[in-house]
Amino acid sequence: MKQNNWRKAQRISLVTLATVAMTVAGAGAAYASTPAAPPLVMVPGQNGEFQQNFNPFSGSELSGTLGLIYQPLFYFNPASHAVPLLGQSFKWSNGNKLLTVYLRKNVKWSDGKPFTSADVVFSFDMLKKYPQMDSMGIWKQISSVNAVGPTEVQFHFKTVNTSYEYYILDTVYMVPQHIWASVSNPTKSLNLKPVGTGPFVESSFTPEMYTMNANPRYWGGKPKVPQVQFPAYSSGESATLALLTGKIDWTGQFIPHINRVYVSKNPQTNHYWFSPYGGANMLYTNLQDPVLSQLVVRKAISLAINRTALYKLGEYGYEPPASPTGYDLPPAGKSWINPKLPKAFGYNPKAAISLLEKAGYKRNASGIFVSPKGQPLSFTLDVVSGWTDWDADCSLIAQNLKQIGINVNVSQLAFGAYYSALSTGHFQMAMSWSGSGPTPYYMYQPMLQTGSPANWDHWSNPFTSREILAYQHSSNPAQQKQAVYALENSMVYFLPYIPLVYGVGWNEYSTKNYVGWPSASDPYAAGSPWVSPANGIVLSHLRPR
């Protein structure tokens, strides 16, 4: 946001407050006035100037559209349980081919019209009519959606796949039929005057800043944060400076040495909680490569990586070493981890060398191991240029592997080229993220299911395919857990992907004006401002200091 516009906004706020104060004073000096709660300044990311777009289906909507204005039926908190939003409860029946959702009663859209089951059916039918908006492929799984009275909705499945309860209940945002029925093409609408059920409503927009005000009709009660301001910042440096000078209340940035840089400036108000999301940052090894397809090579690579160094140096102590399963989200996630599996990776370069030698690999004149077929263990490792923590991690990995006779050239790519290489299979090794969800299944299924667009390593195994189906065919947590245990076993002993460090959500916040933020001791929602619908839940919990 331009500095003169920021100062102008400050002047307007000060003039408004002064006017209110004089009015109260004139009404009677015997009554002490309560200062109005200030706006909360929220910076989910760096965007430069904003483009007005509040379409919850667009994929390029403004931050806050999802979570603050529009809501799904439930929020699946990865740290605990499903949080009711527009839905109150759900159940499976008819041999796990019918999902019934019972809606919250007396919910109103922000324009005062009632929210009913007809809006839910309409929202899902739009995904069927415009398949490009159905990013999760929901209509590949369901045959129909129908309302049973004003507060009950039924989802009929073509075949059994209970894993889709998460995608249906958490990832689809409801829109009002009485407005969207007249939108000629929802895929192109900018939805400039959004009407939702969430805790906030759109108030004003400029390319430098837009605002949202508390929704007085919100079913959870009008939020105690009266307004949320979203100023534009074009770089991480400018946003960090604004955070340090107290101009930002909530953001989610990677900030090296955060205790020294941010917390120490005012320990009473400056805080952070990097909430875990369940998944890990992985070393992807393309199994179409004839050398990387050898399990002994992947085992040697894993043994040679010093994950503690990645954690302490590359990740500044923020993201701890991942476990061999790649998933560990306390407290809820621990119940899904097979207690019989190893808890931690070993760092043992000597063992790595011994594995390769026993498998017939020999060093060449350059000290690089060569396979029995004459293939040198020399690879390119792709990473996104400018992702400084990952860039440092990959440099450390290259140093680790060089010490055991594996040559690695780190290739820093622009994000578009990087993502294209992974998604099309034109890479050897890469550092990348994993998926996540309410159970480990949602991390494993995209990576391990044959034909999945996110199966970038090209893993194909009938055993893991069978266990993925076993999970999908059951709504019994005990049976699903057994399927997850089997998938974990494959991760640990066959290394289709090599977990490195856990992923976390960056989250810095100030308690100068508001308290009630989520934390490790109270993880009622993910803390990152760009995670929806958690962002709206957080803002609904806050109260003035």
Protein backbone atom coordinates (compact mmCIF):
# COMPACT_ATOMS: atom_id res chain seq x y z
CA MET A 1 0.00 0.00 0.00
CA LYS A 2 1.30 3.48 -0.85
CA GLN A 3 2.45 5.44 2.20
CA ASN A 4 0.32 8.51 1.49
CA ASN A 5 -2.83 6.36 1.31
CA TRP A 6 -1.88 4.63 4.56
CA ARG A 7 -1.51 8.01 6.29
CA LYS A 8 -4.75 9.21 4.73
CA ALA A 9 -6.53 6.15 6.16
CA GLN A 10 -5.00 6.89 9.56
CA ARG A 11 -6.15 10.54 9.40
CA ILE A 12 -9.68 9.49 8.48
CA SER A 13 -9.77 7.06 11.41
CA LEU A 14 -8.49 9.71 13.81
CA VAL A 15 -11.00 12.29 12.60
CA THR A 16 -13.83 9.80 12.93
CA LEU A 17 -12.82 8.85 16.46
CA ALA A 18 -12.45 12.49 17.42
CA THR A 19 -15.92 13.26 16.12
CA VAL A 20 -17.41 10.36 18.08
CA ALA A 21 -15.56 11.46 21.22
CA MET A 22 -16.88 15.05 20.95
CA THR A 23 -20.42 13.78 20.42
CA VAL A 24 -20.24 11.59 23.53
CA ALA A 25 -18.69 14.40 25.56
CA GLY A 26 -21.44 16.78 24.49
CA ALA A 27 -24.08 14.27 25.54
CA GLY A 28 -22.99 14.45 29.16
CA ALA A 29 -19.58 14.59 30.81
CA ALA A 30 -20.85 12.52 33.74
CA TYR A 31 -20.67 9.35 31.64
CA ALA A 32 -17.23 7.90 30.81
CA SER A 33 -16.97 6.77 27.18
CA THR A 34 -15.61 3.33 26.19
CA PRO A 35 -13.07 3.66 23.37
CA ALA A 36 -14.13 1.91 20.17
CA ALA A 37 -12.14 -1.23 19.38
CA PRO A 38 -9.62 -0.43 16.62
CA PRO A 39 -9.52 -2.08 13.19
CA LEU A 40 -7.43 -5.24 12.94
CA VAL A 41 -4.79 -5.07 10.21
CA MET A 42 -4.33 -8.42 8.48
CA VAL A 43 -1.70 -9.26 5.84
CA PRO A 44 -2.01 -12.87 4.65
CA GLY A 45 0.64 -12.39 1.95
CA GLN A 46 2.32 -9.99 -0.46
CA ASN A 47 0.26 -9.09 -3.52
CA GLY A 48 1.15 -5.63 -4.74
CA GLU A 49 -1.99 -3.77 -5.77
CA PHE A 50 -5.24 -5.69 -5.36
CA GLN A 51 -7.66 -6.73 -8.08
CA GLN A 52 -11.25 -6.66 -6.84
CA ASN A 53 -12.62 -10.21 -6.82
CA PHE A 54 -14.82 -11.80 -4.17
CA ASN A 55 -15.82 -14.87 -6.18
CA PRO A 56 -15.35 -17.89 -3.87
CA PHE A 57 -15.04 -20.22 -6.88
CA SER A 58 -12.43 -18.27 -8.85
CA GLY A 59 -9.19 -19.48 -7.29
CA SER A 60 -7.85 -15.91 -7.41
CA GLU A 61 -10.29 -14.34 -4.97
CA LEU A 62 -9.11 -11.77 -2.43
CA SER A 63 -7.97 -13.05 0.94
CA GLY A 64 -10.83 -13.21 3.39
CA THR A 65 -13.41 -14.08 0.75
CA LEU A 66 -13.14 -17.64 1.99
CA GLY A 67 -13.62 -17.91 5.73
CA LEU A 68 -14.59 -14.33 6.55
CA ILE A 69 -17.42 -13.83 4.04
CA TYR A 70 -18.23 -17.33 2.78
CA GLN A 71 -18.23 -20.54 4.80
CA PRO A 72 -18.31 -24.29 4.17
CA LEU A 73 -20.43 -26.70 6.19
CA PHE A 74 -17.65 -27.71 8.59
CA TYR A 75 -14.02 -26.93 9.39
CA PHE A 76 -11.83 -29.99 9.88
CA ASN A 77 -9.28 -28.78 12.40
CA PRO A 78 -6.19 -30.95 11.81
CA ALA A 79 -5.24 -30.60 15.47
CA SER A 80 -8.52 -31.81 16.92
CA HIS A 81 -11.88 -32.50 15.27
CA ALA A 82 -14.58 -31.33 12.87
CA VAL A 83 -15.88 -27.90 13.88
CA PRO A 84 -19.55 -27.25 12.98
CA LEU A 85 -20.11 -24.14 10.86
CA LEU A 86 -23.18 -24.11 8.63
CA GLY A 87 -23.62 -27.80 9.36
CA GLN A 88 -24.22 -29.18 12.84
CA SER A 89 -23.73 -32.91 12.31
CA PHE A 90 -23.45 -35.57 9.60
CA LYS A 91 -23.75 -39.33 9.25
CA TRP A 92 -23.17 -42.14 6.76
CA SER A 93 -25.80 -44.73 5.86
CA ASN A 94 -26.94 -47.04 3.04
CA GLY A 95 -23.69 -48.99 3.08
CA ASN A 96 -21.64 -45.78 3.15
CA LYS A 97 -23.20 -44.51 -0.07
CA LEU A 98 -25.35 -41.81 1.53
CA LEU A 99 -23.95 -38.85 3.46
CA THR A 100 -26.58 -36.85 5.35
CA VAL A 101 -25.80 -33.39 6.71
CA TYR A 102 -27.96 -31.64 9.29
CA LEU A 103 -27.71 -27.86 9.01
CA ARG A 104 -27.55 -25.18 11.65
CA LYS A 105 -30.93 -23.53 12.17
CA ASN A 106 -31.78 -19.83 11.97
CA VAL A 107 -28.75 -18.86 9.87
CA LYS A 108 -29.14 -15.73 7.73
CA TRP A 109 -27.22 -14.43 4.78
CA SER A 110 -25.67 -11.03 5.37
CA ASP A 111 -28.54 -9.41 3.43
CA GLY A 112 -31.05 -10.84 5.91
CA LYS A 113 -32.42 -13.69 3.77
CA PRO A 114 -32.54 -17.15 5.42
CA PHE A 115 -29.91 -19.77 4.64
CA THR A 116 -31.51 -23.15 3.89
CA SER A 117 -30.80 -26.56 2.41
CA ALA A 118 -31.81 -25.16 -0.99
CA ASP A 119 -28.69 -22.95 -0.93
CA VAL A 120 -26.51 -25.99 -0.23
CA VAL A 121 -28.03 -27.98 -3.08
CA PHE A 122 -27.66 -24.97 -5.39
CA SER A 123 -24.00 -24.47 -4.44
CA PHE A 124 -23.11 -28.07 -5.25
CA ASP A 125 -25.23 -28.16 -8.40
CA MET A 126 -23.21 -25.19 -9.68
CA LEU A 127 -20.07 -27.34 -9.45
CA LYS A 128 -21.80 -29.93 -11.61
CA LYS A 129 -22.90 -27.33 -14.17
CA TYR A 130 -19.42 -25.74 -14.27
CA PRO A 131 -16.94 -28.63 -13.83
CA GLN A 132 -13.95 -26.28 -13.91
CA MET A 133 -15.05 -25.04 -10.48
CA ASP A 134 -15.14 -28.60 -9.09
CA SER A 135 -11.43 -28.70 -8.23
CA MET A 136 -11.82 -31.68 -5.89
CA GLY A 137 -13.73 -33.81 -8.39
CA ILE A 138 -16.76 -34.13 -6.11
CA TRP A 139 -19.17 -34.85 -8.96
CA LYS A 140 -17.02 -37.75 -10.04
CA GLN A 141 -17.98 -39.35 -6.73
CA ILE A 142 -21.59 -38.28 -6.16
CA SER A 143 -24.66 -38.81 -8.33
CA SER A 144 -26.99 -36.26 -6.75
CA VAL A 145 -27.58 -33.81 -3.91
CA ASN A 146 -31.06 -33.24 -2.55
CA ALA A 147 -32.75 -31.33 0.25
CA VAL A 148 -34.96 -33.02 2.82
CA GLY A 149 -36.72 -30.13 4.46
CA PRO A 150 -35.00 -26.76 5.15
CA THR A 151 -32.19 -28.13 7.36
CA GLU A 152 -31.22 -31.53 5.91
CA VAL A 153 -29.16 -32.34 2.83
CA GLN A 154 -28.35 -35.75 1.35
CA PHE A 155 -25.33 -36.58 -0.83
CA HIS A 156 -25.79 -39.76 -2.87
CA PHE A 157 -22.55 -41.47 -3.91
CA LYS A 158 -22.01 -43.49 -7.08
CA THR A 159 -19.64 -45.84 -5.26
CA VAL A 160 -18.40 -45.99 -1.69
CA ASN A 161 -15.76 -43.36 -0.89
CA THR A 162 -16.08 -42.02 2.65
CA SER A 163 -12.87 -40.01 2.32
CA TYR A 164 -14.89 -37.46 0.35
CA GLU A 165 -16.76 -36.34 3.44
CA TYR A 166 -13.81 -34.00 4.05
CA TYR A 167 -13.88 -32.51 0.55
CA ILE A 168 -17.67 -32.06 0.61
CA LEU A 169 -17.95 -30.69 4.12
CA ASP A 170 -14.79 -28.55 4.38
CA THR A 171 -13.75 -27.35 0.93
CA VAL A 172 -16.98 -26.17 -0.77
CA TYR A 173 -18.20 -22.69 0.22
CA MET A 174 -21.92 -22.00 0.22
CA VAL A 175 -23.41 -19.18 -1.87
CA PRO A 176 -26.96 -17.75 -1.80
CA GLN A 177 -29.24 -19.11 -4.50
CA HIS A 178 -31.32 -15.91 -4.58
CA ILE A 179 -28.26 -14.02 -5.85
CA TRP A 180 -26.16 -16.52 -7.80
CA ALA A 181 -29.08 -17.96 -9.75
CA SER A 182 -29.01 -14.79 -11.86
CA VAL A 183 -25.23 -14.86 -12.44
CA SER A 184 -24.80 -15.76 -16.11
CA ASN A 185 -21.33 -17.29 -15.78
CA PRO A 186 -20.08 -17.92 -12.22
CA THR A 187 -16.61 -18.82 -13.50
CA LYS A 188 -16.06 -15.23 -14.71
CA SER A 189 -17.98 -13.21 -12.11
CA LEU A 190 -15.98 -10.89 -9.84
CA ASN A 191 -18.86 -10.86 -7.33
CA LEU A 192 -18.21 -7.25 -6.36
CA LYS A 193 -20.95 -7.13 -3.69
CA PRO A 194 -20.58 -10.45 -1.89
CA VAL A 195 -23.35 -11.78 0.35
CA GLY A 196 -22.27 -14.57 2.69
CA THR A 197 -22.96 -16.23 6.02
CA GLY A 198 -19.54 -15.53 7.52
CA PRO A 199 -18.54 -13.24 10.39
CA PHE A 200 -17.62 -10.29 8.13
CA VAL A 201 -19.02 -8.37 5.18
CA GLU A 202 -17.20 -6.45 2.46
CA SER A 203 -17.05 -2.75 3.26
CA SER A 204 -14.70 -0.86 0.94
CA PHE A 205 -12.13 -1.49 -1.76
CA THR A 206 -9.19 0.30 -3.33
CA PRO A 207 -6.19 -1.27 -5.06
CA GLU A 208 -4.13 -0.28 -2.00
CA MET A 209 -6.48 -1.53 0.73
CA TYR A 210 -9.83 -3.18 1.21
CA THR A 211 -11.82 -3.59 4.40
CA MET A 212 -14.41 -5.93 5.89
CA ASN A 213 -16.77 -5.01 8.74
CA ALA A 214 -18.25 -7.24 11.42
CA ASN A 215 -21.46 -8.92 10.25
CA PRO A 216 -24.29 -7.96 12.65
CA ARG A 217 -26.35 -10.91 11.38
CA TYR A 218 -23.65 -13.52 11.94
CA TRP A 219 -25.11 -16.71 13.40
CA GLY A 220 -22.27 -16.88 15.94
CA GLY A 221 -22.91 -13.32 17.17
CA LYS A 222 -21.43 -10.11 15.84
CA PRO A 223 -17.60 -10.36 16.12
CA LYS A 224 -15.85 -8.13 18.64
CA VAL A 225 -13.39 -7.07 15.94
CA PRO A 226 -15.35 -4.23 14.26
CA GLN A 227 -13.28 -4.08 11.09
CA VAL A 228 -10.50 -5.97 9.32
CA GLN A 229 -8.19 -3.99 7.05
CA PHE A 230 -6.15 -5.64 4.28
CA PRO A 231 -3.37 -3.27 3.13
CA ALA A 232 -1.30 -4.17 0.07
CA TYR A 233 2.41 -4.96 0.42
CA SER A 234 4.53 -5.81 -2.58
CA SER A 235 7.37 -7.55 -0.75
CA GLY A 236 8.14 -9.56 2.34
CA GLU A 237 10.63 -6.95 3.44
CA SER A 238 8.10 -4.13 3.47
CA ALA A 239 5.52 -6.29 5.24
CA THR A 240 8.07 -7.36 7.85
CA LEU A 241 9.03 -3.75 8.49
CA ALA A 242 5.36 -2.85 8.96
CA LEU A 243 4.97 -5.74 11.40
CA LEU A 244 7.98 -4.62 13.42
CA THR A 245 6.70 -1.04 13.62
CA GLY A 246 3.28 -2.14 14.87
CA LYS A 247 1.29 -1.47 11.69
CA ILE A 248 0.20 -5.10 11.27
CA ASP A 249 -1.75 -7.18 13.78
CA TRP A 250 -1.72 -10.52 11.96
CA THR A 251 0.40 -11.94 9.18
CA GLY A 252 1.96 -15.18 8.05
CA GLN A 253 5.53 -14.79 6.84
CA PHE A 254 8.78 -16.70 6.98
CA ILE A 255 10.97 -14.49 9.19
CA PRO A 256 14.48 -15.73 10.05
CA HIS A 257 15.50 -15.38 13.72
CA ILE A 258 11.97 -14.41 14.67
CA ASN A 259 12.62 -14.23 18.41
CA ARG A 260 15.37 -11.69 17.95
CA VAL A 261 13.81 -9.83 15.03
CA TYR A 262 10.19 -9.66 16.21
CA VAL A 263 9.41 -11.05 19.66
CA SER A 264 12.25 -9.30 21.48
CA LYS A 265 11.01 -5.87 20.30
CA ASN A 266 8.03 -6.22 22.63
CA PRO A 267 7.70 -9.61 24.33
CA GLN A 268 4.44 -8.59 25.98
CA THR A 269 2.58 -8.18 22.69
CA ASN A 270 4.65 -9.72 19.86
CA HIS A 271 3.98 -13.43 19.44
CA TYR A 272 4.03 -16.26 16.93
CA TRP A 273 2.70 -19.79 16.69
CA PHE A 274 3.78 -21.84 13.72
CA SER A 275 0.90 -24.28 13.67
CA PRO A 276 1.63 -27.76 12.30
CA TYR A 277 -0.60 -29.00 9.51
CA GLY A 278 0.23 -32.69 9.58
CA GLY A 279 2.25 -33.07 6.41
CA ALA A 280 5.98 -32.95 5.80
CA ASN A 281 8.31 -31.31 3.33
CA MET A 282 9.64 -34.21 1.31
CA LEU A 283 12.54 -35.15 -0.93
CA TYR A 284 10.81 -36.32 -4.10
CA THR A 285 12.69 -38.98 -6.06
CA ASN A 286 11.36 -39.67 -9.53
CA LEU A 287 10.91 -43.43 -9.67
CA GLN A 288 10.98 -43.34 -13.47
CA ASP A 289 14.71 -42.79 -13.11
CA PRO A 290 16.36 -46.23 -13.31
CA VAL A 291 18.77 -45.47 -10.47
CA LEU A 292 16.39 -43.70 -8.09
CA SER A 293 13.92 -46.54 -8.59
CA GLN A 294 16.38 -48.75 -6.67
CA LEU A 295 15.33 -48.95 -3.02
CA VAL A 296 18.92 -49.28 -1.85
CA VAL A 297 19.74 -45.89 -3.39
CA ARG A 298 16.80 -44.20 -1.68
CA LYS A 299 17.73 -45.81 1.63
CA ALA A 300 21.33 -44.60 1.30
CA ILE A 301 20.13 -41.09 0.45
CA SER A 302 17.83 -41.03 3.48
CA LEU A 303 20.53 -42.30 5.85
CA ALA A 304 22.96 -39.64 4.62
CA ILE A 305 20.68 -36.64 5.23
CA ASN A 306 21.27 -34.78 8.48
CA ARG A 307 17.72 -33.70 9.24
CA THR A 308 18.75 -32.00 12.45
CA ALA A 309 20.94 -29.67 10.39
CA LEU A 310 18.02 -28.93 8.08
CA TYR A 311 15.89 -28.13 11.13
CA LYS A 312 18.45 -25.96 12.92
CA LEU A 313 20.16 -24.27 9.98
CA GLY A 314 17.92 -24.31 6.92
CA GLU A 315 14.67 -23.92 8.87
CA TYR A 316 15.99 -21.72 11.72
CA GLY A 317 14.65 -24.18 14.29
CA TYR A 318 11.05 -23.76 13.10
CA GLU A 319 10.34 -27.08 11.38
CA PRO A 320 11.58 -30.18 13.27
CA PRO A 321 12.79 -33.38 11.61
CA ALA A 322 9.97 -35.47 10.21
CA SER A 323 9.34 -39.01 11.37
CA PRO A 324 9.67 -41.90 8.90
CA THR A 325 5.89 -41.90 8.40
CA GLY A 326 6.00 -38.24 7.38
CA TYR A 327 2.97 -37.47 9.54
CA ASP A 328 2.82 -36.40 13.15
CA LEU A 329 0.29 -33.88 14.36
CA PRO A 330 -0.22 -33.80 18.12
CA PRO A 331 -2.53 -34.44 19.77
CA ALA A 332 -5.05 -35.75 17.24
CA GLY A 333 -2.51 -37.04 14.74
CA LYS A 334 -0.60 -39.24 17.15
CA SER A 335 -3.52 -41.64 17.42
CA TRP A 336 -3.12 -42.38 13.70
CA ILE A 337 0.57 -43.32 13.93
CA ASN A 338 1.43 -47.02 14.16
CA PRO A 339 3.29 -47.28 17.50
CA LYS A 340 5.33 -50.23 16.21
CA LEU A 341 7.06 -48.17 13.52
CA PRO A 342 10.35 -46.28 14.07
CA LYS A 343 9.85 -42.86 15.64
CA ALA A 344 12.80 -41.10 14.02
CA PHE A 345 15.19 -41.31 11.10
CA GLY A 346 18.78 -42.30 11.72
CA TYR A 347 21.62 -40.15 10.42
CA ASN A 348 24.36 -42.62 9.52
CA PRO A 349 26.61 -41.83 6.52
CA LYS A 350 28.76 -44.89 7.15
CA ALA A 351 25.72 -47.16 6.98
CA ALA A 352 24.70 -45.45 3.75
CA ILE A 353 28.08 -46.17 2.16
CA SER A 354 27.96 -49.78 3.39
CA LEU A 355 24.51 -50.29 1.83
CA LEU A 356 25.72 -49.13 -1.56
CA GLU A 357 28.91 -51.20 -1.44
CA LYS A 358 27.02 -54.36 -0.48
CA ALA A 359 24.67 -53.76 -3.42
CA GLY A 360 27.65 -53.70 -5.81
CA TYR A 361 28.03 -49.95 -6.24
CA LYS A 362 31.65 -48.80 -6.68
CA ARG A 363 33.28 -45.38 -6.63
CA ASN A 364 34.72 -43.98 -9.86
CA ALA A 365 37.83 -41.85 -10.18
CA SER A 366 35.89 -38.81 -8.99
CA GLY A 367 34.74 -40.59 -5.85
CA ILE A 368 31.13 -40.90 -7.10
CA PHE A 369 29.35 -44.21 -6.70
CA VAL A 370 28.45 -46.02 -9.91
CA SER A 371 25.78 -48.71 -10.18
CA PRO A 372 26.61 -52.25 -11.31
CA LYS A 373 25.25 -51.19 -14.74
CA GLY A 374 27.65 -48.26 -14.90
CA GLN A 375 25.19 -45.51 -13.97
CA PRO A 376 26.76 -42.77 -11.79
CA LEU A 377 24.83 -41.60 -8.74
CA SER A 378 24.61 -38.02 -9.98
CA PHE A 379 21.33 -36.13 -9.83
CA THR A 380 19.76 -32.71 -10.19
CA LEU A 381 17.75 -31.44 -7.20
CA ASP A 382 15.04 -28.90 -8.09
CA VAL A 383 13.87 -26.21 -5.65
CA VAL A 384 12.07 -22.87 -5.94
CA SER A 385 14.40 -19.91 -6.28
CA GLY A 386 13.86 -17.39 -3.49
CA TRP A 387 12.38 -19.85 -1.01
CA THR A 388 15.36 -19.22 1.20
CA ASP A 389 14.77 -21.94 3.76
CA TRP A 390 14.28 -24.63 1.12
CA ASP A 391 17.22 -23.31 -0.89
CA ALA A 392 19.39 -23.70 2.22
CA ASP A 393 17.96 -27.16 2.91
CA CYS A 394 18.82 -28.36 -0.59
CA SER A 395 22.34 -26.99 -0.32
CA LEU A 396 22.79 -28.94 2.92
CA ILE A 397 21.38 -32.10 1.32
CA ALA A 398 23.84 -31.77 -1.56
CA GLN A 399 26.72 -31.46 0.93
CA ASN A 400 25.48 -34.49 2.89
CA LEU A 401 25.21 -36.67 -0.18
CA LYS A 402 28.56 -35.60 -1.58
CA GLN A 403 30.17 -36.95 1.59
CA ILE A 404 28.92 -40.47 0.78
CA GLY A 405 29.73 -40.39 -2.94
CA ILE A 406 26.47 -39.11 -4.44
CA ASN A 407 26.73 -36.00 -6.60
CA VAL A 408 23.84 -33.52 -6.45
CA ASN A 409 23.48 -30.32 -8.44
CA VAL A 410 20.92 -27.96 -6.91
CA SER A 411 18.78 -26.23 -9.55
CA GLN A 412 16.90 -23.15 -8.34
CA LEU A 413 13.90 -22.56 -10.62
CA ALA A 414 11.14 -20.01 -10.89
CA PHE A 415 8.00 -21.44 -9.31
CA GLY A 416 6.21 -21.96 -12.64
CA ALA A 417 9.10 -23.95 -14.13
CA TYR A 418 9.55 -25.88 -10.89
CA TYR A 419 5.89 -26.86 -10.63
CA SER A 420 5.72 -27.77 -14.30
CA ALA A 421 8.76 -30.04 -13.96
CA LEU A 422 7.26 -31.93 -11.03
CA SER A 423 3.74 -32.23 -12.41
CA THR A 424 4.97 -33.48 -15.79
CA GLY A 425 7.61 -35.82 -14.39
CA HIS A 426 10.58 -33.97 -15.90
CA PHE A 427 12.81 -34.01 -12.84
CA GLN A 428 15.11 -36.33 -10.94
CA MET A 429 14.88 -35.06 -7.38
CA ALA A 430 13.00 -32.14 -5.86
CA MET A 431 12.11 -30.73 -2.49
CA SER A 432 8.41 -30.15 -2.13
CA TRP A 433 5.42 -30.17 0.20
CA SER A 434 2.85 -32.85 0.89
CA GLY A 435 -0.89 -32.68 1.25
CA SER A 436 -2.70 -32.73 4.56
CA GLY A 437 -6.11 -33.24 6.05
CA PRO A 438 -7.91 -34.54 9.12
CA THR A 439 -6.07 -37.90 8.99
CA PRO A 440 -2.81 -39.14 7.40
CA TYR A 441 -4.83 -40.64 4.57
CA TYR A 442 -5.10 -37.19 2.99
CA MET A 443 -1.34 -36.93 2.81
CA TYR A 444 -0.78 -40.48 1.53
CA GLN A 445 -3.58 -40.85 -1.02
CA PRO A 446 -2.47 -38.08 -3.43
CA MET A 447 1.14 -39.30 -3.35
CA LEU A 448 0.58 -43.07 -3.41
CA GLN A 449 -2.50 -43.67 -5.55
CA THR A 450 -1.68 -44.74 -9.08
CA GLY A 451 -2.76 -42.07 -11.54
CA SER A 452 -3.15 -39.32 -8.95
CA PRO A 453 -2.06 -35.90 -10.34
CA ALA A 454 0.01 -35.37 -7.17
CA ASN A 455 1.80 -38.74 -7.42
CA TRP A 456 4.87 -36.95 -8.72
CA ASP A 457 7.25 -39.79 -7.85
CA HIS A 458 5.16 -42.19 -9.98
CA TRP A 459 4.76 -44.73 -7.21
CA SER A 460 2.66 -47.71 -8.26
CA ASN A 461 2.01 -50.64 -5.97
CA PRO A 462 -1.05 -52.94 -5.67
CA PHE A 463 -0.63 -53.17 -1.89
CA THR A 464 -0.93 -49.42 -1.29
CA SER A 465 -3.76 -49.18 -3.86
CA ARG A 466 -5.65 -51.84 -1.93
CA GLU A 467 -5.24 -50.03 1.39
CA ILE A 468 -6.35 -46.71 -0.09
CA LEU A 469 -9.55 -48.43 -1.21
CA ALA A 470 -9.96 -50.04 2.21
CA TYR A 471 -9.93 -46.60 3.82
CA GLN A 472 -12.38 -45.19 1.28
CA HIS A 473 -14.84 -48.06 1.74
CA SER A 474 -15.19 -47.69 5.50
CA SER A 475 -16.65 -45.08 7.84
CA ASN A 476 -15.34 -47.00 10.85
CA PRO A 477 -12.35 -45.13 12.36
CA ALA A 478 -10.79 -48.38 13.60
CA GLN A 479 -10.86 -49.92 10.11
CA GLN A 480 -9.59 -46.71 8.54
CA LYS A 481 -6.75 -46.65 11.04
CA GLN A 482 -5.64 -50.13 9.99
CA ALA A 483 -5.51 -48.98 6.37
CA VAL A 484 -3.47 -45.93 7.40
CA TYR A 485 -1.09 -48.17 9.36
CA ALA A 486 -0.47 -50.17 6.20
CA LEU A 487 0.24 -47.02 4.17
CA GLU A 488 2.63 -45.84 6.87
CA ASN A 489 4.42 -49.16 6.64
CA SER A 490 5.01 -48.56 2.92
CA MET A 491 6.33 -45.07 3.59
CA VAL A 492 8.75 -46.27 6.25
CA TYR A 493 10.17 -49.35 4.56
CA PHE A 494 9.92 -48.54 0.84
CA LEU A 495 10.55 -44.78 0.83
CA PRO A 496 8.34 -43.82 -2.12
CA TYR A 497 8.96 -40.29 -0.81
CA ILE A 498 11.63 -39.29 1.70
CA PRO A 499 10.30 -37.09 4.54
CA LEU A 500 12.67 -34.30 5.61
CA VAL A 501 11.12 -31.80 8.06
CA TYR A 502 7.58 -31.09 9.13
CA GLY A 503 5.68 -28.30 7.46
CA VAL A 504 4.21 -25.51 9.55
CA GLY A 505 2.00 -22.53 8.88
CA TRP A 506 3.71 -19.18 9.41
CA ASN A 507 1.74 -17.04 11.84
CA GLU A 508 2.81 -13.82 13.59
CA TYR A 509 0.36 -11.79 15.65
CA SER A 510 0.17 -8.93 18.14
CA THR A 511 -1.87 -8.86 21.34
CA LYS A 512 -1.58 -5.08 21.59
CA ASN A 513 -5.22 -4.65 20.57
CA TYR A 514 -6.76 -8.13 20.59
CA VAL A 515 -6.39 -11.36 22.58
CA GLY A 516 -7.77 -14.86 22.15
CA TRP A 517 -5.42 -16.08 19.41
CA PRO A 518 -4.94 -19.84 18.85
CA SER A 519 -1.77 -21.33 20.27
CA ALA A 520 -0.07 -24.64 20.97
CA SER A 521 -1.99 -24.84 24.25
CA ASP A 522 -5.29 -23.88 22.60
CA PRO A 523 -5.19 -25.01 18.93
CA TYR A 524 -8.84 -24.29 18.22
CA ALA A 525 -7.92 -23.38 14.62
CA ALA A 526 -4.88 -23.18 12.37
CA GLY A 527 -3.09 -19.91 13.05
CA SER A 528 -2.01 -18.82 9.57
CA PRO A 529 -4.11 -15.94 8.21
CA TRP A 530 -4.23 -17.50 4.74
CA VAL A 531 -5.83 -20.76 5.94
CA SER A 532 -9.60 -20.78 5.48
CA PRO A 533 -12.09 -21.19 7.02
CA ALA A 534 -9.79 -21.10 10.07
CA ASN A 535 -9.13 -17.37 9.48
CA GLY A 536 -12.78 -16.50 10.07
CA ILE A 537 -12.93 -18.72 13.14
CA VAL A 538 -9.89 -16.99 14.63
CA LEU A 539 -11.31 -13.52 14.07
CA SER A 540 -14.60 -14.63 15.65
CA HIS A 541 -12.71 -15.71 18.78
CA LEU A 542 -10.77 -12.49 19.27
CA ARG A 543 -11.78 -9.84 21.78
CA PRO A 544 -10.33 -6.40 22.58
CA ARG A 545 -7.44 -6.42 25.00
